[in-house]
């Protein structure tokens, strides 16, 4: 349930960032409805995770281990990393985007029993948002803009709808 809470909170904040950046009346209305729905999902997973973590130190340790060793941002593994990295780097661009992610996702996860010192999720998102591996081994490059641009938001919308990048 912790994993689900992290993923739902990440998705929720991604939609919130997209809603803020879109600045389009119809799209903003649609995204606002999605945000309300995702908020209910995130709350459900968080509350169940809190209950389960409160009841068992073993569950706390197992969940911490799973998150630390295996958690990756939503979509990684199902989609090519260049696409998911671009999405993360656009929605949570730069230090400000990482700070928003830490405040809205990681800080809440740290309120779960056994997760007070959790830094894994912010560190993984930060690695993507600030700097990621380029197409050539060892090539380090930024993949997203410092702040979301109209072009970047259009790419994110195409990604979310399943339209290929190229």
C-alpha atoms as a PDB file:
ATOM      1  CA  UNK A   1       0.000   0.000   0.000  1.00  0.00           C
ATOM      2  CA  UNK A   2       2.949   2.346   0.584  1.00  0.00           C
ATOM      3  CA  UNK A   3       4.042   1.766  -3.012  1.00  0.00           C
ATOM      4  CA  UNK A   4       0.522   2.567  -4.206  1.00  0.00           C
ATOM      5  CA  UNK A   5       0.408   5.695  -2.029  1.00  0.00           C
ATOM      6  CA  UNK A   6       3.695   6.932  -3.492  1.00  0.00           C
ATOM      7  CA  UNK A   7       2.550   6.276  -7.058  1.00  0.00           C
ATOM      8  CA  UNK A   8      -0.886   7.832  -6.560  1.00  0.00           C
ATOM      9  CA  UNK A   9       0.599  10.916  -4.862  1.00  0.00           C
ATOM     10  CA  UNK A  10       3.164  11.250  -7.652  1.00  0.00           C
ATOM     11  CA  UNK A  11       0.447  10.973 -10.291  1.00  0.00           C
ATOM     12  CA  UNK A  12      -1.743  13.464  -8.413  1.00  0.00           C
ATOM     13  CA  UNK A  13       1.058  16.032  -8.211  1.00  0.00           C
ATOM     14  CA  UNK A  14       1.952  15.478 -11.861  1.00  0.00           C
ATOM     15  CA  UNK A  15      -1.621  16.270 -12.886  1.00  0.00           C
ATOM     16  CA  UNK A  16      -1.646  19.316 -10.588  1.00  0.00           C
ATOM     17  CA  UNK A  17       1.552  20.608 -12.193  1.00  0.00           C
ATOM     18  CA  UNK A  18       0.140  19.950 -15.665  1.00  0.00           C
ATOM     19  CA  UNK A  19      -3.123  21.714 -14.758  1.00  0.00           C
ATOM     20  CA  UNK A  20      -1.184  24.740 -13.542  1.00  0.00           C
ATOM     21  CA  UNK A  21       1.063  24.834 -16.605  1.00  0.00           C
ATOM     22  CA  UNK A  22      -1.637  24.172 -19.225  1.00  0.00           C
ATOM     23  CA  UNK A  23      -3.440  27.520 -18.877  1.00  0.00           C
ATOM     24  CA  UNK A  24      -6.232  26.389 -21.166  1.00  0.00           C
ATOM     25  CA  UNK A  25      -9.852  26.707 -19.979  1.00  0.00           C
ATOM     26  CA  UNK A  26     -11.161  23.363 -21.234  1.00  0.00           C
ATOM     27  CA  UNK A  27      -7.988  21.409 -20.517  1.00  0.00           C
ATOM     28  CA  UNK A  28      -7.713  22.957 -17.040  1.00  0.00           C
ATOM     29  CA  UNK A  29     -11.297  21.933 -16.284  1.00  0.00           C
ATOM     30  CA  UNK A  30     -10.620  18.355 -17.399  1.00  0.00           C
ATOM     31  CA  UNK A  31      -7.356  18.190 -15.452  1.00  0.00           C
ATOM     32  CA  UNK A  32      -9.066  19.587 -12.353  1.00  0.00           C
ATOM     33  CA  UNK A  33     -11.574  16.718 -12.501  1.00  0.00           C
ATOM     34  CA  UNK A  34      -8.722  14.227 -12.875  1.00  0.00           C
ATOM     35  CA  UNK A  35      -6.941  15.836  -9.895  1.00  0.00           C
ATOM     36  CA  UNK A  36     -10.053  15.351  -7.736  1.00  0.00           C
ATOM     37  CA  UNK A  37     -10.239  11.683  -8.719  1.00  0.00           C
ATOM     38  CA  UNK A  38      -6.503  11.080  -8.177  1.00  0.00           C
ATOM     39  CA  UNK A  39      -6.739  12.819  -4.807  1.00  0.00           C
ATOM     40  CA  UNK A  40      -9.281  10.240  -3.665  1.00  0.00           C
ATOM     41  CA  UNK A  41      -6.993   7.415  -4.843  1.00  0.00           C
ATOM     42  CA  UNK A  42      -3.946   8.906  -3.105  1.00  0.00           C
ATOM     43  CA  UNK A  43      -5.873   9.401   0.132  1.00  0.00           C
ATOM     44  CA  UNK A  44      -7.192   5.830   0.071  1.00  0.00           C
ATOM     45  CA  UNK A  45      -3.740   4.279  -0.417  1.00  0.00           C
ATOM     46  CA  UNK A  46      -2.155   6.584   2.158  1.00  0.00           C
ATOM     47  CA  UNK A  47      -4.767   5.810   4.829  1.00  0.00           C
ATOM     48  CA  UNK A  48      -4.570   2.039   4.284  1.00  0.00           C
ATOM     49  CA  UNK A  49      -0.761   2.187   4.286  1.00  0.00           C
ATOM     50  CA  UNK A  50      -0.856   4.189   7.532  1.00  0.00           C
ATOM     51  CA  UNK A  51      -3.127   1.596   9.169  1.00  0.00           C
ATOM     52  CA  UNK A  52      -0.977  -1.339   8.027  1.00  0.00           C
ATOM     53  CA  UNK A  53       2.298   0.326   9.011  1.00  0.00           C
ATOM     54  CA  UNK A  54       0.882   1.227  12.446  1.00  0.00           C
ATOM     55  CA  UNK A  55       0.059  -2.421  13.127  1.00  0.00           C
ATOM     56  CA  UNK A  56       3.370  -4.027  12.194  1.00  0.00           C
ATOM     57  CA  UNK A  57       7.028  -3.135  12.486  1.00  0.00           C
ATOM     58  CA  UNK A  58       7.740  -6.020  10.135  1.00  0.00           C
ATOM     59  CA  UNK A  59       5.466  -4.403   7.518  1.00  0.00           C
ATOM     60  CA  UNK A  60       7.315  -1.115   8.018  1.00  0.00           C
ATOM     61  CA  UNK A  61      10.679  -2.762   7.429  1.00  0.00           C
ATOM     62  CA  UNK A  62       9.475  -4.736   4.430  1.00  0.00           C
ATOM     63  CA  UNK A  63       7.890  -1.664   2.848  1.00  0.00           C
ATOM     64  CA  UNK A  64      11.019   0.438   3.473  1.00  0.00           C
ATOM     65  CA  UNK A  65      13.172  -2.285   1.909  1.00  0.00           C
ATOM     66  CA  UNK A  66      10.913  -2.574  -1.158  1.00  0.00           C
ATOM     67  CA  UNK A  67      10.809   1.189  -1.712  1.00  0.00           C
ATOM     68  CA  UNK A  68      14.529   1.670  -1.182  1.00  0.00           C
ATOM     69  CA  UNK A  69      15.565  -1.233  -3.433  1.00  0.00           C
ATOM     70  CA  UNK A  70      12.892  -1.360  -6.133  1.00  0.00           C
ATOM     71  CA  UNK A  71      10.750   1.794  -6.369  1.00  0.00           C
ATOM     72  CA  UNK A  72      10.907   3.738  -9.617  1.00  0.00           C
ATOM     73  CA  UNK A  73       8.687   6.600 -10.755  1.00  0.00           C
ATOM     74  CA  UNK A  74       5.317   5.737 -12.251  1.00  0.00           C
ATOM     75  CA  UNK A  75       5.561   4.458 -15.818  1.00  0.00           C
ATOM     76  CA  UNK A  76       9.188   3.393 -15.753  1.00  0.00           C
ATOM     77  CA  UNK A  77       9.436  -0.129 -17.061  1.00  0.00           C
ATOM     78  CA  UNK A  78       6.120   0.101 -18.906  1.00  0.00           C
ATOM     79  CA  UNK A  79       7.307   2.953 -21.150  1.00  0.00           C
ATOM     80  CA  UNK A  80      10.762   3.761 -22.532  1.00  0.00           C
ATOM     81  CA  UNK A  81      12.805   5.626 -19.922  1.00  0.00           C
ATOM     82  CA  UNK A  82      13.440   8.527 -22.306  1.00  0.00           C
ATOM     83  CA  UNK A  83       9.685   9.209 -22.312  1.00  0.00           C
ATOM     84  CA  UNK A  84       9.113   8.845 -18.576  1.00  0.00           C
ATOM     85  CA  UNK A  85      12.260  10.837 -17.808  1.00  0.00           C
ATOM     86  CA  UNK A  86      11.085  13.635 -20.093  1.00  0.00           C
ATOM     87  CA  UNK A  87       7.698  13.664 -18.398  1.00  0.00           C
ATOM     88  CA  UNK A  88       9.226  13.862 -14.913  1.00  0.00           C
ATOM     89  CA  UNK A  89      11.826  16.436 -15.944  1.00  0.00           C
ATOM     90  CA  UNK A  90       9.126  18.624 -17.491  1.00  0.00           C
ATOM     91  CA  UNK A  91       6.573  18.409 -14.679  1.00  0.00           C
ATOM     92  CA  UNK A  92       9.093  18.601 -11.823  1.00  0.00           C
ATOM     93  CA  UNK A  93      11.706  20.736 -13.570  1.00  0.00           C
ATOM     94  CA  UNK A  94      14.733  22.094 -11.752  1.00  0.00           C
ATOM     95  CA  UNK A  95      15.269  22.604  -8.054  1.00  0.00           C
ATOM     96  CA  UNK A  96      11.855  24.229  -7.654  1.00  0.00           C
ATOM     97  CA  UNK A  97      10.125  21.192  -9.180  1.00  0.00           C
ATOM     98  CA  UNK A  98      12.085  18.801  -6.976  1.00  0.00           C
ATOM     99  CA  UNK A  99      11.207  20.927  -3.921  1.00  0.00           C
ATOM    100  CA  UNK A 100       7.520  20.749  -4.863  1.00  0.00           C
ATOM    101  CA  UNK A 101       7.798  16.979  -5.258  1.00  0.00           C
ATOM    102  CA  UNK A 102       9.537  16.637  -1.892  1.00  0.00           C
ATOM    103  CA  UNK A 103       6.942  18.816  -0.161  1.00  0.00           C
ATOM    104  CA  UNK A 104       3.865  17.242  -1.755  1.00  0.00           C
ATOM    105  CA  UNK A 105       4.894  13.573  -1.994  1.00  0.00           C
ATOM    106  CA  UNK A 106       7.951  12.664   0.067  1.00  0.00           C
ATOM    107  CA  UNK A 107       6.999  14.790   3.074  1.00  0.00           C
ATOM    108  CA  UNK A 108       3.637  13.033   3.271  1.00  0.00           C
ATOM    109  CA  UNK A 109       5.220   9.590   2.911  1.00  0.00           C
ATOM    110  CA  UNK A 110       7.602  10.477   5.753  1.00  0.00           C
ATOM    111  CA  UNK A 111       4.517  10.799   7.981  1.00  0.00           C
ATOM    112  CA  UNK A 112       3.903   7.045   7.648  1.00  0.00           C
ATOM    113  CA  UNK A 113       5.121   4.885  10.540  1.00  0.00           C
ATOM    114  CA  UNK A 114       8.664   3.722   9.810  1.00  0.00           C
ATOM    115  CA  UNK A 115       9.247   6.220   6.974  1.00  0.00           C
ATOM    116  CA  UNK A 116      10.376   9.296   8.933  1.00  0.00           C
ATOM    117  CA  UNK A 117      13.777   9.373   7.220  1.00  0.00           C
ATOM    118  CA  UNK A 118      12.705   8.277   3.733  1.00  0.00           C
ATOM    119  CA  UNK A 119      14.638  10.089   0.999  1.00  0.00           C
ATOM    120  CA  UNK A 120      14.681   7.507  -1.808  1.00  0.00           C
ATOM    121  CA  UNK A 121      11.745   8.828  -3.811  1.00  0.00           C
ATOM    122  CA  UNK A 122      12.891  12.454  -3.853  1.00  0.00           C
ATOM    123  CA  UNK A 123      16.446  11.372  -4.701  1.00  0.00           C
ATOM    124  CA  UNK A 124      15.245   9.313  -7.680  1.00  0.00           C
ATOM    125  CA  UNK A 125      12.996  12.072  -9.009  1.00  0.00           C
ATOM    126  CA  UNK A 126      15.766  14.624  -8.406  1.00  0.00           C
ATOM    127  CA  UNK A 127      18.243  12.559 -10.413  1.00  0.00           C
ATOM    128  CA  UNK A 128      15.836  12.622 -13.348  1.00  0.00           C
ATOM    129  CA  UNK A 129      14.660  16.232 -13.003  1.00  0.00           C
ATOM    130  CA  UNK A 130      18.109  17.763 -12.624  1.00  0.00           C
ATOM    131  CA  UNK A 131      20.316  15.517 -14.731  1.00  0.00           C
ATOM    132  CA  UNK A 132      19.901  12.182 -16.490  1.00  0.00           C
ATOM    133  CA  UNK A 133      21.939   9.891 -18.707  1.00  0.00           C
ATOM    134  CA  UNK A 134      21.983  10.949 -22.337  1.00  0.00           C
ATOM    135  CA  UNK A 135      21.642   8.639 -25.343  1.00  0.00           C
ATOM    136  CA  UNK A 136      25.409   7.986 -25.432  1.00  0.00           C
ATOM    137  CA  UNK A 137      26.878   6.056 -22.509  1.00  0.00           C
ATOM    138  CA  UNK A 138      28.390   8.486 -20.047  1.00  0.00           C
ATOM    139  CA  UNK A 139      26.840  11.537 -21.738  1.00  0.00           C
ATOM    140  CA  UNK A 140      25.152  13.642 -19.055  1.00  0.00           C
ATOM    141  CA  UNK A 141      22.569  16.122 -20.266  1.00  0.00           C
ATOM    142  CA  UNK A 142      19.413  17.832 -19.107  1.00  0.00           C
ATOM    143  CA  UNK A 143      16.359  16.347 -20.737  1.00  0.00           C
ATOM    144  CA  UNK A 144      13.751  18.819 -19.567  1.00  0.00           C
ATOM    145  CA  UNK A 145      13.433  22.583 -19.455  1.00  0.00           C
ATOM    146  CA  UNK A 146      14.032  24.545 -16.229  1.00  0.00           C
ATOM    147  CA  UNK A 147      10.367  25.493 -16.249  1.00  0.00           C
ATOM    148  CA  UNK A 148       7.549  23.845 -18.198  1.00  0.00           C
ATOM    149  CA  UNK A 149       7.202  25.330 -21.682  1.00  0.00           C
ATOM    150  CA  UNK A 150       4.215  25.173 -24.020  1.00  0.00           C
ATOM    151  CA  UNK A 151       6.211  22.760 -26.240  1.00  0.00           C
ATOM    152  CA  UNK A 152       7.103  20.623 -23.214  1.00  0.00           C
ATOM    153  CA  UNK A 153       3.502  20.563 -22.000  1.00  0.00           C
ATOM    154  CA  UNK A 154       2.306  19.554 -25.476  1.00  0.00           C
ATOM    155  CA  UNK A 155       4.800  16.671 -25.450  1.00  0.00           C
ATOM    156  CA  UNK A 156       3.577  15.619 -21.996  1.00  0.00           C
ATOM    157  CA  UNK A 157      -0.032  15.694 -23.199  1.00  0.00           C
ATOM    158  CA  UNK A 158       0.891  13.606 -26.247  1.00  0.00           C
ATOM    159  CA  UNK A 159       2.691  11.135 -23.973  1.00  0.00           C
ATOM    160  CA  UNK A 160      -0.286  10.911 -21.610  1.00  0.00           C
ATOM    161  CA  UNK A 161      -2.632  10.247 -24.521  1.00  0.00           C
ATOM    162  CA  UNK A 162      -0.405   7.515 -25.944  1.00  0.00           C
ATOM    163  CA  UNK A 163       0.649   9.469 -29.052  1.00  0.00           C
ATOM    164  CA  UNK A 164       4.281   8.602 -29.949  1.00  0.00           C
ATOM    165  CA  UNK A 165       6.944  11.270 -29.433  1.00  0.00           C
ATOM    166  CA  UNK A 166       8.332  11.212 -32.977  1.00  0.00           C
END
